[in-house]
Amino acid sequence: MNVVLKRLDRYNRQFPESVRVGVSKSMNLRYFVLIKLSVRFYLLSALLLASFSAGVMAQTPVPARTDDAKKTYKAAMEDADQKIADEVKSHSELMKNLEHLTTEIGPRLTGSKQMQQASDWTLKRFHDYGIDAHLETTEIPHAYYRGVDTAEITAPIERHIGVRALGWSKATPGEISGQVAVVKMDSLDDLARFKGKLKGAIILLNKPAEIPTEPEENAYDAVIAPDKGLSKALRLGFQERMKMMAMIGQEQPGVLLLDSGKTDNLFNMSAFSRYQPSEVPLGFLTHEDFSLIYRLAAVGPVSLKVNLTGTFSPGPVPASITVGEIKGSEFPDERVIIGGHLDSWDLGQGALDNGTGSMAVLEAARTLKALGWKPKRTITFILFTGEEQGGVGADAFMKNHASEIPKMDAALVHDTGTGKVFSIALENLYETAPLMGEIYEPLREVFDLQPLSTRYFGSSDHVAFLRAGVPSYFCIQKPAHYREAHHSQTDTFDKVIPDEINEGAALLAAWAWNVSEMPVALPHHAAAAGR
């Protein structure tokens, strides 16, 4: 037990740093060590930690609750949560809304006309359901418009291959030809070996990806495979990647090509800049074509032709989030927040990432309004934008509502596809475990959930809330095609599992209701420095 308590204490002390480095899921930069504990042992440890953690982080004292109060709350919440689940089963409009979003509107790249159309449409849907809602609009420096990208191996064999520019990649100056240079970059120091040798080169960055073959427990791990054993794979941080791109840009290569890291000729998508043209033209190859070129280059010179043709808006463009709310009857100035991001990458239809999560939030709002209940606290529904490029929508909300942060009771985000939500991650918020245990237990009964997870993800829009000190949590879901669909052209409506995502919507509504009815508020933690 002493070993476990020491581990928990160490991670508790590290929490302010851990929330500082949480970034968008799309950048693949988050990872922390797992702590495997039984629920009973974990809750006991959390309670012990709470008694001496005041010197570690500032938090609001939590009044003790009697056993009778806990029993009364649990019974009431189980009854309410079951009614919520029944309403979704009987009258859900999630799939109808999701089909319109993915088929009539389509992919929703931040700053695109489709994304703004989706924001306007979801605003209308909230209003259709009788829910007060509005848009909150910020700007991004440039929208990105994808062109038609082409590539061809010209020597030692001839073969046309697919290529897709990364988001906000600068274009090549027409079709360029050049010899492939395989550049291995495990650290920034490695680039010094190539100084003065890359001008005009077509760079193949690093060796082919090692694609996991075993199924993972959850959708997040299906995309970002966890480290195994004691050794940890090197991962450059966000600032290091930006510095790396700047250094490579100084060498003036023709184009930098990356492995999509997916099977079955699927592409991937990401970005290396925040709404500005990249330092270097950047493109993804399929894993199969990347591996082919890498093998050819191992035995002799390889030449390619590449043409990337994306363009940019001449100046700033709007980017909106949709915010709906059901006003609280007793504590209207306190907020319980559930959210998902409405934006997507643009190779597919934006169905599993994150049409499912955003439409689950909309369905949760419809359900609670249809039931006609009056929550004690205001329940706020947010459809974010810009999650895929680092969270511009969440940041805008926090800026717009900075004075309200102390009264934001909690936030929960749904952002890993269509699979069943089987747990909620505590995100290192051990001091909230006693109350979260009460809030969560009725959900376990109704939705057949696993125990609360002690895993830290830090990988979506809730990170902005975490950094501000707000108790914020993350839905953990079954994989359900997520490895393949995530950021690829196969992220399409036909991959959605209706029963599982509808249950996810019911769970969001039930969690929000349970938090709204909890007699005491979840404790805040210290905000991250320099947030």
Protein backbone atom coordinates (compact mmCIF):
# COMPACT_ATOMS: atom_id res chain seq x y z
CA MET A 1 0.00 0.00 0.00
CA ASN A 2 2.86 2.40 0.75
CA VAL A 3 4.17 1.96 -2.80
CA VAL A 4 0.74 2.80 -4.26
CA LEU A 5 0.35 5.85 -2.03
CA LYS A 6 3.80 7.10 -3.03
CA ARG A 7 2.90 6.70 -6.71
CA LEU A 8 -0.37 8.55 -6.28
CA ASP A 9 1.35 11.30 -4.30
CA ARG A 10 3.99 11.67 -7.00
CA TYR A 11 1.38 12.01 -9.76
CA ASN A 12 -0.74 14.31 -7.62
CA ARG A 13 2.28 16.61 -7.20
CA GLN A 14 2.96 16.48 -10.95
CA PHE A 15 -0.58 17.42 -11.93
CA PRO A 16 -0.07 21.16 -12.56
CA GLU A 17 2.75 20.27 -14.99
CA SER A 18 0.73 17.53 -16.64
CA VAL A 19 -2.14 19.82 -17.46
CA ARG A 20 0.29 22.40 -18.84
CA VAL A 21 1.53 19.99 -21.45
CA GLY A 22 -1.88 18.59 -22.47
CA VAL A 23 -2.47 19.32 -26.15
CA SER A 24 -4.82 18.39 -28.96
CA LYS A 25 -5.33 14.74 -29.67
CA SER A 26 -4.53 15.39 -33.31
CA MET A 27 -0.87 16.15 -32.53
CA ASN A 28 -0.24 12.71 -30.98
CA LEU A 29 1.84 14.18 -28.14
CA ARG A 30 0.11 13.02 -24.95
CA TYR A 31 1.16 10.15 -22.79
CA PHE A 32 1.42 9.33 -19.15
CA VAL A 33 2.12 6.19 -17.11
CA LEU A 34 -0.93 4.09 -16.21
CA ILE A 35 -1.74 3.37 -12.56
CA LYS A 36 -3.62 0.10 -12.21
CA LEU A 37 -5.66 -0.09 -9.02
CA SER A 38 -8.88 -1.71 -7.91
CA VAL A 39 -11.73 0.75 -7.32
CA ARG A 40 -11.90 0.09 -3.59
CA PHE A 41 -8.17 0.44 -3.12
CA TYR A 42 -8.09 3.50 -5.38
CA LEU A 43 -10.90 5.31 -3.55
CA LEU A 44 -9.27 4.61 -0.19
CA SER A 45 -5.97 5.98 -1.50
CA ALA A 46 -7.69 9.04 -2.96
CA LEU A 47 -9.40 9.78 0.32
CA LEU A 48 -6.10 9.50 2.19
CA LEU A 49 -4.40 11.75 -0.34
CA ALA A 50 -7.13 14.36 -0.07
CA SER A 51 -6.42 14.71 3.64
CA PHE A 52 -2.84 15.95 3.08
CA SER A 53 -2.90 17.44 -0.42
CA ALA A 54 -3.80 21.02 0.59
CA GLY A 55 -0.13 21.93 0.53
CA VAL A 56 0.24 20.42 -2.93
CA MET A 57 -2.59 22.12 -4.79
CA ALA A 58 -5.30 24.58 -3.90
CA GLN A 59 -8.72 22.97 -3.81
CA THR A 60 -12.16 23.65 -2.44
CA PRO A 61 -12.97 21.74 0.77
CA VAL A 62 -15.64 19.10 0.22
CA PRO A 63 -18.24 18.82 3.00
CA ALA A 64 -18.71 15.34 4.41
CA ARG A 65 -21.85 13.53 3.28
CA THR A 66 -23.81 11.13 5.42
CA ASP A 67 -24.60 7.58 4.35
CA ASP A 68 -28.31 8.41 4.25
CA ALA A 69 -27.67 11.39 1.97
CA LYS A 70 -25.60 9.21 -0.34
CA LYS A 71 -28.29 6.52 -0.51
CA THR A 72 -31.02 9.08 -1.25
CA TYR A 73 -28.95 10.68 -3.99
CA LYS A 74 -28.03 7.34 -5.57
CA ALA A 75 -31.64 6.14 -5.71
CA ALA A 76 -32.85 9.40 -7.24
CA MET A 77 -30.08 9.46 -9.83
CA GLU A 78 -30.56 5.82 -10.86
CA ASP A 79 -34.23 6.54 -11.47
CA ALA A 80 -33.45 9.70 -13.47
CA ASP A 81 -30.65 8.06 -15.45
CA GLN A 82 -32.91 5.19 -16.45
CA LYS A 83 -35.57 7.64 -17.64
CA ILE A 84 -32.92 9.44 -19.69
CA ALA A 85 -31.81 6.15 -21.26
CA ASP A 86 -35.44 5.26 -22.06
CA GLU A 87 -36.07 8.66 -23.70
CA VAL A 88 -33.06 8.27 -25.97
CA LYS A 89 -34.08 4.72 -26.93
CA SER A 90 -37.60 5.82 -27.77
CA HIS A 91 -37.14 9.16 -29.48
CA SER A 92 -33.50 9.71 -30.43
CA GLU A 93 -32.79 12.01 -33.36
CA LEU A 94 -29.04 11.45 -33.20
CA MET A 95 -28.67 9.37 -36.35
CA LYS A 96 -30.91 11.68 -38.37
CA ASN A 97 -28.83 14.67 -37.27
CA LEU A 98 -25.55 12.85 -37.84
CA GLU A 99 -26.56 11.80 -41.34
CA HIS A 100 -27.39 15.39 -42.25
CA LEU A 101 -24.12 16.64 -40.76
CA THR A 102 -21.92 14.12 -42.56
CA THR A 103 -23.84 13.82 -45.84
CA GLU A 104 -25.47 17.18 -46.51
CA ILE A 105 -22.73 19.32 -44.93
CA GLY A 106 -19.77 16.93 -45.05
CA PRO A 107 -16.26 17.30 -43.62
CA ARG A 108 -15.74 20.43 -41.51
CA LEU A 109 -12.20 21.75 -41.57
CA THR A 110 -11.78 24.63 -39.13
CA GLY A 111 -12.33 27.91 -40.96
CA SER A 112 -14.08 26.31 -43.94
CA LYS A 113 -17.52 27.28 -45.19
CA GLN A 114 -18.74 23.78 -44.26
CA MET A 115 -17.66 24.28 -40.65
CA GLN A 116 -19.46 27.61 -40.43
CA GLN A 117 -22.50 26.02 -42.08
CA ALA A 118 -22.42 23.28 -39.44
CA SER A 119 -22.28 25.86 -36.63
CA ASP A 120 -25.28 27.71 -38.07
CA TRP A 121 -27.20 24.46 -38.54
CA THR A 122 -26.54 23.17 -35.02
CA LEU A 123 -27.64 26.54 -33.63
CA LYS A 124 -30.95 26.05 -35.42
CA ARG A 125 -31.25 22.48 -34.10
CA PHE A 126 -30.83 23.66 -30.51
CA HIS A 127 -33.53 26.25 -31.14
CA ASP A 128 -35.77 23.60 -32.74
CA TYR A 129 -35.56 21.68 -29.47
CA GLY A 130 -36.53 24.76 -27.46
CA ILE A 131 -33.06 25.26 -26.02
CA ASP A 132 -31.46 28.68 -25.59
CA ALA A 133 -28.33 28.73 -27.75
CA HIS A 134 -25.92 31.10 -29.44
CA LEU A 135 -22.70 31.15 -31.42
CA GLU A 136 -19.43 32.44 -30.03
CA THR A 137 -17.09 33.39 -32.84
CA THR A 138 -13.35 33.88 -32.96
CA GLU A 139 -10.98 34.14 -35.92
CA ILE A 140 -8.15 32.07 -37.29
CA PRO A 141 -5.38 33.68 -39.39
CA HIS A 142 -6.04 31.66 -42.55
CA ALA A 143 -8.43 29.02 -43.83
CA TYR A 144 -6.86 26.14 -45.77
CA TYR A 145 -8.31 24.89 -49.07
CA ARG A 146 -7.17 21.45 -50.19
CA GLY A 147 -6.13 21.04 -53.80
CA VAL A 148 -5.46 18.00 -55.98
CA ASP A 149 -2.13 16.47 -54.93
CA THR A 150 -0.11 14.03 -57.04
CA ALA A 151 3.07 11.97 -56.73
CA GLU A 152 5.02 9.53 -58.89
CA ILE A 153 8.06 7.32 -58.46
CA THR A 154 10.21 7.93 -61.54
CA ALA A 155 13.31 5.84 -60.72
CA PRO A 156 14.36 3.07 -60.28
CA ILE A 157 10.77 2.05 -61.09
CA GLU A 158 7.84 4.02 -62.50
CA ARG A 159 4.68 4.14 -60.47
CA HIS A 160 1.95 6.69 -59.68
CA ILE A 161 1.28 6.88 -55.94
CA GLY A 162 -1.20 8.77 -53.78
CA VAL A 163 -0.22 11.73 -51.61
CA ARG A 164 -2.24 14.11 -49.41
CA ALA A 165 -0.93 17.44 -48.18
CA LEU A 166 -1.07 18.00 -44.45
CA GLY A 167 -3.44 20.70 -43.28
CA TRP A 168 -2.07 24.21 -43.84
CA SER A 169 0.84 22.82 -45.88
CA LYS A 170 2.39 25.34 -48.22
CA ALA A 171 2.19 24.24 -51.86
CA THR A 172 5.12 23.08 -53.90
CA PRO A 173 6.14 25.53 -56.68
CA GLY A 174 4.40 23.40 -59.26
CA GLU A 175 5.47 19.81 -59.86
CA ILE A 176 8.92 19.23 -58.41
CA SER A 177 11.35 16.41 -59.15
CA GLY A 178 14.16 15.25 -56.96
CA GLN A 179 16.08 12.48 -55.31
CA VAL A 180 14.77 11.02 -52.09
CA ALA A 181 16.75 11.70 -48.90
CA VAL A 182 15.83 9.48 -45.96
CA VAL A 183 16.19 11.65 -42.85
CA LYS A 184 16.06 9.98 -39.43
CA MET A 185 15.04 12.44 -36.74
CA ASP A 186 14.99 11.10 -33.17
CA SER A 187 16.12 14.45 -31.74
CA LEU A 188 16.81 17.98 -32.90
CA ASP A 189 20.54 17.23 -32.82
CA ASP A 190 20.10 14.71 -35.64
CA LEU A 191 19.33 17.45 -38.13
CA ALA A 192 22.87 18.82 -37.85
CA ARG A 193 24.12 15.78 -39.80
CA PHE A 194 22.10 16.92 -42.81
CA LYS A 195 22.96 20.62 -42.74
CA GLY A 196 23.57 21.95 -46.24
CA LYS A 197 22.54 18.66 -47.89
CA LEU A 198 18.75 18.95 -48.22
CA LYS A 199 18.12 21.89 -50.53
CA GLY A 200 15.56 20.84 -53.12
CA ALA A 201 15.48 17.27 -51.76
CA ILE A 202 12.38 15.15 -51.39
CA ILE A 203 12.65 14.05 -47.76
CA LEU A 204 11.31 10.78 -46.45
CA LEU A 205 11.10 11.42 -42.71
CA ASN A 206 12.15 8.47 -40.54
CA LYS A 207 11.63 4.78 -41.16
CA PRO A 208 8.21 3.22 -41.85
CA ALA A 209 5.82 3.25 -38.92
CA GLU A 210 5.38 0.18 -36.77
CA ILE A 211 1.65 -0.45 -36.99
CA PRO A 212 0.11 -2.34 -34.04
CA THR A 213 -1.54 -5.61 -34.94
CA GLU A 214 -3.13 -6.46 -31.59
CA PRO A 215 -6.49 -4.94 -30.67
CA GLU A 216 -6.39 -2.28 -27.98
CA GLU A 217 -8.78 -1.89 -25.08
CA ASN A 218 -9.93 1.61 -26.00
CA ALA A 219 -10.23 3.90 -29.01
CA TYR A 220 -7.50 6.29 -27.88
CA ASP A 221 -4.91 3.51 -27.65
CA ALA A 222 -6.04 2.19 -31.02
CA VAL A 223 -4.73 5.44 -32.52
CA ILE A 224 -1.77 6.13 -30.21
CA ALA A 225 -0.39 2.76 -29.19
CA PRO A 226 0.70 2.70 -25.54
CA ASP A 227 4.29 1.99 -24.57
CA LYS A 228 4.90 -1.57 -23.45
CA GLY A 229 7.04 -2.58 -20.49
CA LEU A 230 9.61 -0.23 -18.99
CA SER A 231 11.03 1.29 -22.17
CA LYS A 232 9.35 4.42 -23.46
CA ALA A 233 9.25 5.45 -27.10
CA LEU A 234 10.76 8.87 -27.76
CA ARG A 235 8.16 11.51 -28.59
CA LEU A 236 9.12 15.04 -29.55
CA GLY A 237 7.09 17.67 -27.74
CA PHE A 238 4.97 20.27 -29.57
CA GLN A 239 7.59 23.03 -29.26
CA GLU A 240 10.32 20.63 -30.38
CA ARG A 241 8.32 19.71 -33.46
CA MET A 242 7.80 23.37 -34.31
CA LYS A 243 11.54 24.00 -33.87
CA MET A 244 12.32 20.94 -35.99
CA MET A 245 10.12 22.22 -38.82
CA ALA A 246 11.75 25.65 -38.64
CA MET A 247 15.21 24.07 -38.82
CA ILE A 248 14.23 21.86 -41.75
CA GLY A 249 12.70 24.89 -43.45
CA GLN A 250 16.06 26.67 -43.31
CA GLU A 251 17.51 23.84 -45.41
CA GLN A 252 14.92 24.58 -48.14
CA PRO A 253 13.97 21.02 -49.13
CA GLY A 254 11.49 20.50 -51.91
CA VAL A 255 8.94 18.57 -49.82
CA LEU A 256 8.78 16.48 -46.64
CA LEU A 257 6.88 13.16 -46.85
CA LEU A 258 5.48 11.29 -43.83
CA ASP A 259 4.14 7.77 -43.29
CA SER A 260 0.38 7.76 -42.68
CA GLY A 261 0.88 4.91 -40.23
CA LYS A 262 -2.34 3.11 -41.20
CA THR A 263 -3.04 -0.18 -42.95
CA ASP A 264 -4.98 -0.83 -46.14
CA ASN A 265 -3.75 2.20 -48.12
CA LEU A 266 -5.46 4.63 -45.76
CA PHE A 267 -4.23 8.18 -45.44
CA ASN A 268 -3.83 10.15 -42.25
CA MET A 269 -4.15 13.85 -41.55
CA SER A 270 -2.63 16.38 -39.18
CA ALA A 271 -0.99 19.81 -39.18
CA PHE A 272 2.34 21.28 -38.11
CA SER A 273 1.23 24.90 -37.90
CA ARG A 274 -1.49 26.96 -36.26
CA TYR A 275 -3.48 28.24 -39.25
CA GLN A 276 -0.38 29.56 -41.03
CA PRO A 277 1.39 28.15 -44.12
CA SER A 278 3.91 25.53 -43.04
CA GLU A 279 7.66 26.10 -43.26
CA VAL A 280 8.01 23.26 -45.79
CA PRO A 281 5.55 21.54 -48.15
CA LEU A 282 4.30 18.50 -46.21
CA GLY A 283 2.57 15.38 -47.46
CA PHE A 284 1.34 12.03 -46.19
CA LEU A 285 1.97 8.84 -48.18
CA THR A 286 0.14 5.63 -47.44
CA HIS A 287 2.12 3.24 -45.28
CA GLU A 288 2.43 0.83 -48.19
CA ASP A 289 3.91 3.41 -50.58
CA PHE A 290 6.15 4.94 -47.91
CA SER A 291 7.52 1.47 -47.12
CA LEU A 292 8.11 0.77 -50.81
CA ILE A 293 10.14 3.96 -51.29
CA TYR A 294 12.07 3.34 -48.07
CA ARG A 295 13.06 -0.17 -49.23
CA LEU A 296 14.08 1.11 -52.67
CA ALA A 297 16.19 3.87 -51.09
CA ALA A 298 18.00 1.30 -48.96
CA VAL A 299 19.59 -0.21 -52.09
CA GLY A 300 20.02 2.79 -54.36
CA PRO A 301 18.89 6.27 -55.49
CA VAL A 302 15.14 6.91 -55.75
CA SER A 303 13.58 9.81 -57.64
CA LEU A 304 10.06 11.20 -57.24
CA LYS A 305 7.78 13.81 -58.71
CA VAL A 306 5.47 15.58 -56.24
CA ASN A 307 2.89 18.32 -56.66
CA LEU A 308 1.00 19.78 -53.66
CA THR A 309 -1.55 22.44 -54.56
CA GLY A 310 -3.33 23.66 -51.42
CA THR A 311 -4.20 27.35 -51.04
CA PHE A 312 -5.11 29.73 -48.21
CA SER A 313 -7.57 32.50 -47.51
CA PRO A 314 -5.90 35.91 -47.91
CA GLY A 315 -6.71 36.87 -44.34
CA PRO A 316 -8.53 35.87 -41.15
CA VAL A 317 -11.78 33.89 -41.30
CA PRO A 318 -14.45 33.23 -38.62
CA ALA A 319 -14.53 30.08 -36.51
CA SER A 320 -17.58 29.53 -34.33
CA ILE A 321 -18.60 27.29 -31.47
CA THR A 322 -22.24 26.51 -30.70
CA VAL A 323 -23.28 26.94 -27.06
CA GLY A 324 -26.65 25.82 -25.70
CA GLU A 325 -27.92 25.76 -22.14
CA ILE A 326 -30.74 24.73 -19.85
CA LYS A 327 -30.81 27.24 -17.02
CA GLY A 328 -30.42 26.03 -13.45
CA SER A 329 -33.31 26.50 -11.03
CA GLU A 330 -31.30 26.90 -7.79
CA PHE A 331 -27.75 27.72 -8.88
CA PRO A 332 -28.14 29.31 -12.34
CA ASP A 333 -24.66 30.85 -12.22
CA GLU A 334 -23.03 27.41 -11.84
CA ARG A 335 -22.32 25.41 -15.00
CA VAL A 336 -22.16 21.70 -15.75
CA ILE A 337 -20.60 21.34 -19.20
CA ILE A 338 -20.71 18.52 -21.74
CA GLY A 339 -19.04 18.90 -25.12
CA GLY A 340 -17.69 17.45 -28.34
CA HIS A 341 -15.95 19.04 -31.29
CA LEU A 342 -17.92 19.77 -34.42
CA ASP A 343 -14.88 20.34 -36.62
CA SER A 344 -13.16 17.49 -38.44
CA TRP A 345 -10.39 16.74 -40.88
CA ASP A 346 -11.42 16.70 -44.51
CA LEU A 347 -10.41 13.38 -46.07
CA GLY A 348 -13.62 11.63 -45.01
CA GLN A 349 -16.97 12.91 -43.73
CA GLY A 350 -16.03 13.68 -40.12
CA ALA A 351 -18.38 11.00 -38.80
CA LEU A 352 -16.44 9.26 -36.01
CA ASP A 353 -14.11 12.20 -35.36
CA ASN A 354 -16.13 13.86 -34.16
CA GLY A 355 -19.60 13.94 -35.65
CA THR A 356 -20.57 11.18 -33.21
CA GLY A 357 -19.45 13.13 -30.14
CA SER A 358 -20.97 16.43 -31.21
CA MET A 359 -24.30 14.87 -32.20
CA ALA A 360 -24.32 12.93 -28.91
CA VAL A 361 -24.09 16.28 -27.12
CA LEU A 362 -26.95 17.66 -29.23
CA GLU A 363 -29.02 14.55 -28.49
CA ALA A 364 -28.26 14.87 -24.76
CA ALA A 365 -29.62 18.40 -24.91
CA ARG A 366 -32.75 17.30 -26.77
CA THR A 367 -33.34 14.53 -24.24
CA LEU A 368 -33.06 16.67 -21.12
CA LYS A 369 -35.29 19.34 -22.64
CA ALA A 370 -37.87 16.76 -23.75
CA LEU A 371 -38.08 15.36 -20.23
CA GLY A 372 -38.99 18.83 -18.99
CA TRP A 373 -36.86 18.62 -15.85
CA LYS A 374 -35.39 21.68 -14.13
CA PRO A 375 -31.75 21.07 -13.18
CA LYS A 376 -30.42 22.74 -10.04
CA ARG A 377 -27.34 23.95 -11.92
CA THR A 378 -27.20 25.28 -15.48
CA ILE A 379 -26.33 22.54 -17.96
CA THR A 380 -24.25 23.86 -20.85
CA PHE A 381 -23.77 22.07 -24.17
CA ILE A 382 -20.77 23.08 -26.31
CA LEU A 383 -19.93 22.06 -29.86
CA PHE A 384 -16.33 23.16 -30.25
CA THR A 385 -14.32 24.08 -33.31
CA GLY A 386 -10.58 23.86 -33.93
CA GLU A 387 -9.96 20.86 -31.67
CA GLU A 388 -8.02 19.21 -34.44
CA GLN A 389 -5.56 22.10 -34.58
CA GLY A 390 -5.06 22.61 -30.85
CA GLY A 391 -8.35 23.76 -29.33
CA VAL A 392 -9.05 27.27 -30.62
CA GLY A 393 -12.78 26.92 -29.85
CA ALA A 394 -12.28 25.77 -26.26
CA ASP A 395 -9.71 28.53 -25.73
CA ALA A 396 -12.19 31.09 -27.04
CA PHE A 397 -14.90 29.86 -24.67
CA MET A 398 -12.57 30.06 -21.67
CA LYS A 399 -11.53 33.58 -22.65
CA ASN A 400 -15.12 34.71 -23.18
CA HIS A 401 -16.21 33.26 -19.83
CA ALA A 402 -13.10 33.89 -17.74
CA SER A 403 -15.05 35.50 -14.91
CA GLU A 404 -17.31 32.44 -14.67
CA ILE A 405 -14.53 29.85 -14.30
CA PRO A 406 -14.85 29.57 -10.49
CA LYS A 407 -18.50 28.58 -10.96
CA MET A 408 -17.87 25.97 -13.66
CA ASP A 409 -18.64 22.83 -11.67
CA ALA A 410 -17.34 20.22 -14.11
CA ALA A 411 -16.88 19.34 -17.78
CA LEU A 412 -17.02 16.06 -19.73
CA VAL A 413 -15.94 15.56 -23.36
CA HIS A 414 -16.91 12.79 -25.82
CA ASP A 415 -14.27 12.50 -28.57
CA THR A 416 -13.18 9.01 -29.63
CA GLY A 417 -15.72 7.75 -32.06
CA THR A 418 -18.79 5.58 -32.12
CA GLY A 419 -17.87 2.84 -29.63
CA LYS A 420 -19.50 2.26 -26.26
CA VAL A 421 -18.37 4.54 -23.45
CA PHE A 422 -17.20 2.08 -20.84
CA SER A 423 -15.49 4.40 -18.34
CA ILE A 424 -14.68 8.00 -17.54
CA ALA A 425 -11.09 9.11 -16.95
CA LEU A 426 -10.39 11.00 -13.73
CA GLU A 427 -7.55 12.90 -15.45
CA ASN A 428 -5.40 12.98 -12.27
CA LEU A 429 -8.19 14.70 -10.30
CA TYR A 430 -7.90 12.38 -7.30
CA GLU A 431 -9.33 14.97 -4.93
CA THR A 432 -12.64 14.70 -6.84
CA ALA A 433 -12.81 10.91 -6.48
CA PRO A 434 -15.20 10.75 -3.50
CA LEU A 435 -17.86 12.92 -5.19
CA MET A 436 -17.19 11.56 -8.66
CA GLY A 437 -17.67 8.09 -7.22
CA GLU A 438 -21.16 9.10 -6.06
CA ILE A 439 -21.96 10.75 -9.39
CA TYR A 440 -20.63 7.77 -11.33
CA GLU A 441 -22.17 4.87 -9.41
CA PRO A 442 -25.73 5.35 -10.77
CA LEU A 443 -24.27 5.50 -14.29
CA ARG A 444 -22.53 2.18 -13.69
CA GLU A 445 -25.82 0.59 -12.76
CA VAL A 446 -27.76 1.94 -15.75
CA PHE A 447 -25.06 1.79 -18.46
CA ASP A 448 -23.00 -1.22 -17.32
CA LEU A 449 -19.74 0.68 -16.98
CA GLN A 450 -16.33 -0.34 -15.74
CA PRO A 451 -14.87 1.49 -12.71
CA LEU A 452 -13.65 5.06 -13.01
CA SER A 453 -10.29 5.12 -14.74
CA THR A 454 -7.16 6.50 -13.06
CA ARG A 455 -5.61 7.07 -16.49
CA TYR A 456 -4.57 10.56 -17.64
CA PHE A 457 -5.41 11.31 -21.29
CA GLY A 458 -5.28 15.11 -21.61
CA SER A 459 -6.21 14.89 -25.25
CA SER A 460 -9.22 16.96 -26.22
CA ASP A 461 -11.14 20.18 -25.57
CA HIS A 462 -11.45 19.51 -21.84
CA VAL A 463 -7.72 20.31 -21.47
CA ALA A 464 -8.50 24.05 -21.59
CA PHE A 465 -10.84 23.55 -18.63
CA LEU A 466 -8.29 21.42 -16.76
CA ARG A 467 -5.66 24.12 -17.15
CA ALA A 468 -8.07 26.64 -15.65
CA GLY A 469 -8.68 24.50 -12.56
CA VAL A 470 -12.10 23.13 -13.56
CA PRO A 471 -12.77 19.43 -12.80
CA SER A 472 -12.80 18.02 -16.32
CA TYR A 473 -13.11 14.45 -17.56
CA PHE A 474 -12.82 12.31 -20.68
CA CYS A 475 -15.04 9.50 -22.01
CA ILE A 476 -13.18 6.22 -22.63
CA GLN A 477 -14.69 4.22 -25.49
CA LYS A 478 -14.38 0.89 -27.22
CA PRO A 479 -12.27 1.05 -30.42
CA ALA A 480 -15.08 0.36 -32.96
CA HIS A 481 -13.16 1.12 -36.21
CA TYR A 482 -11.43 4.14 -34.66
CA ARG A 483 -7.87 3.09 -35.59
CA GLU A 484 -8.83 2.99 -39.25
CA ALA A 485 -11.28 5.92 -39.39
CA HIS A 486 -9.36 8.44 -37.28
CA HIS A 487 -8.30 11.32 -39.61
CA SER A 488 -8.63 9.11 -42.71
CA GLN A 489 -10.83 8.92 -45.78
CA THR A 490 -12.82 6.08 -44.22
CA ASP A 491 -14.22 8.31 -41.44
CA THR A 492 -17.70 8.00 -42.91
CA PHE A 493 -21.31 7.72 -41.77
CA ASP A 494 -21.59 4.01 -42.56
CA LYS A 495 -19.06 3.22 -39.78
CA VAL A 496 -21.35 4.55 -37.04
CA ILE A 497 -22.87 2.02 -34.59
CA PRO A 498 -26.30 3.52 -33.72
CA ASP A 499 -26.97 1.69 -30.45
CA GLU A 500 -23.57 2.46 -29.00
CA ILE A 501 -23.46 6.14 -29.85
CA ASN A 502 -27.05 6.60 -28.69
CA GLU A 503 -26.06 5.08 -25.37
CA GLY A 504 -23.16 7.54 -25.29
CA ALA A 505 -25.61 10.42 -25.70
CA ALA A 506 -27.75 9.09 -22.86
CA LEU A 507 -24.67 8.75 -20.66
CA LEU A 508 -23.65 12.36 -21.34
CA ALA A 509 -27.12 13.58 -20.41
CA ALA A 510 -27.22 11.38 -17.30
CA TRP A 511 -23.76 12.48 -16.11
CA ALA A 512 -24.68 16.13 -16.58
CA TRP A 513 -27.92 15.60 -14.67
CA ASN A 514 -26.17 13.77 -11.82
CA VAL A 515 -23.62 16.57 -11.44
CA SER A 516 -26.33 19.21 -11.60
CA GLU A 517 -28.22 17.53 -8.74
CA MET A 518 -25.23 16.80 -6.47
CA PRO A 519 -25.78 18.88 -3.29
CA VAL A 520 -22.11 19.91 -3.16
CA ALA A 521 -19.83 21.04 -5.97
CA LEU A 522 -16.82 19.12 -7.20
CA PRO A 523 -13.60 20.73 -5.92
CA HIS A 524 -11.50 22.88 -8.22
CA HIS A 525 -7.71 22.52 -8.38
CA ALA A 526 -4.92 25.03 -8.92
CA ALA A 527 -4.85 26.55 -12.40
CA ALA A 528 -1.77 25.85 -14.51
CA ALA A 529 0.83 28.59 -14.47
CA GLY A 530 0.85 30.78 -17.56
CA ARG A 531 -2.28 29.18 -19.01
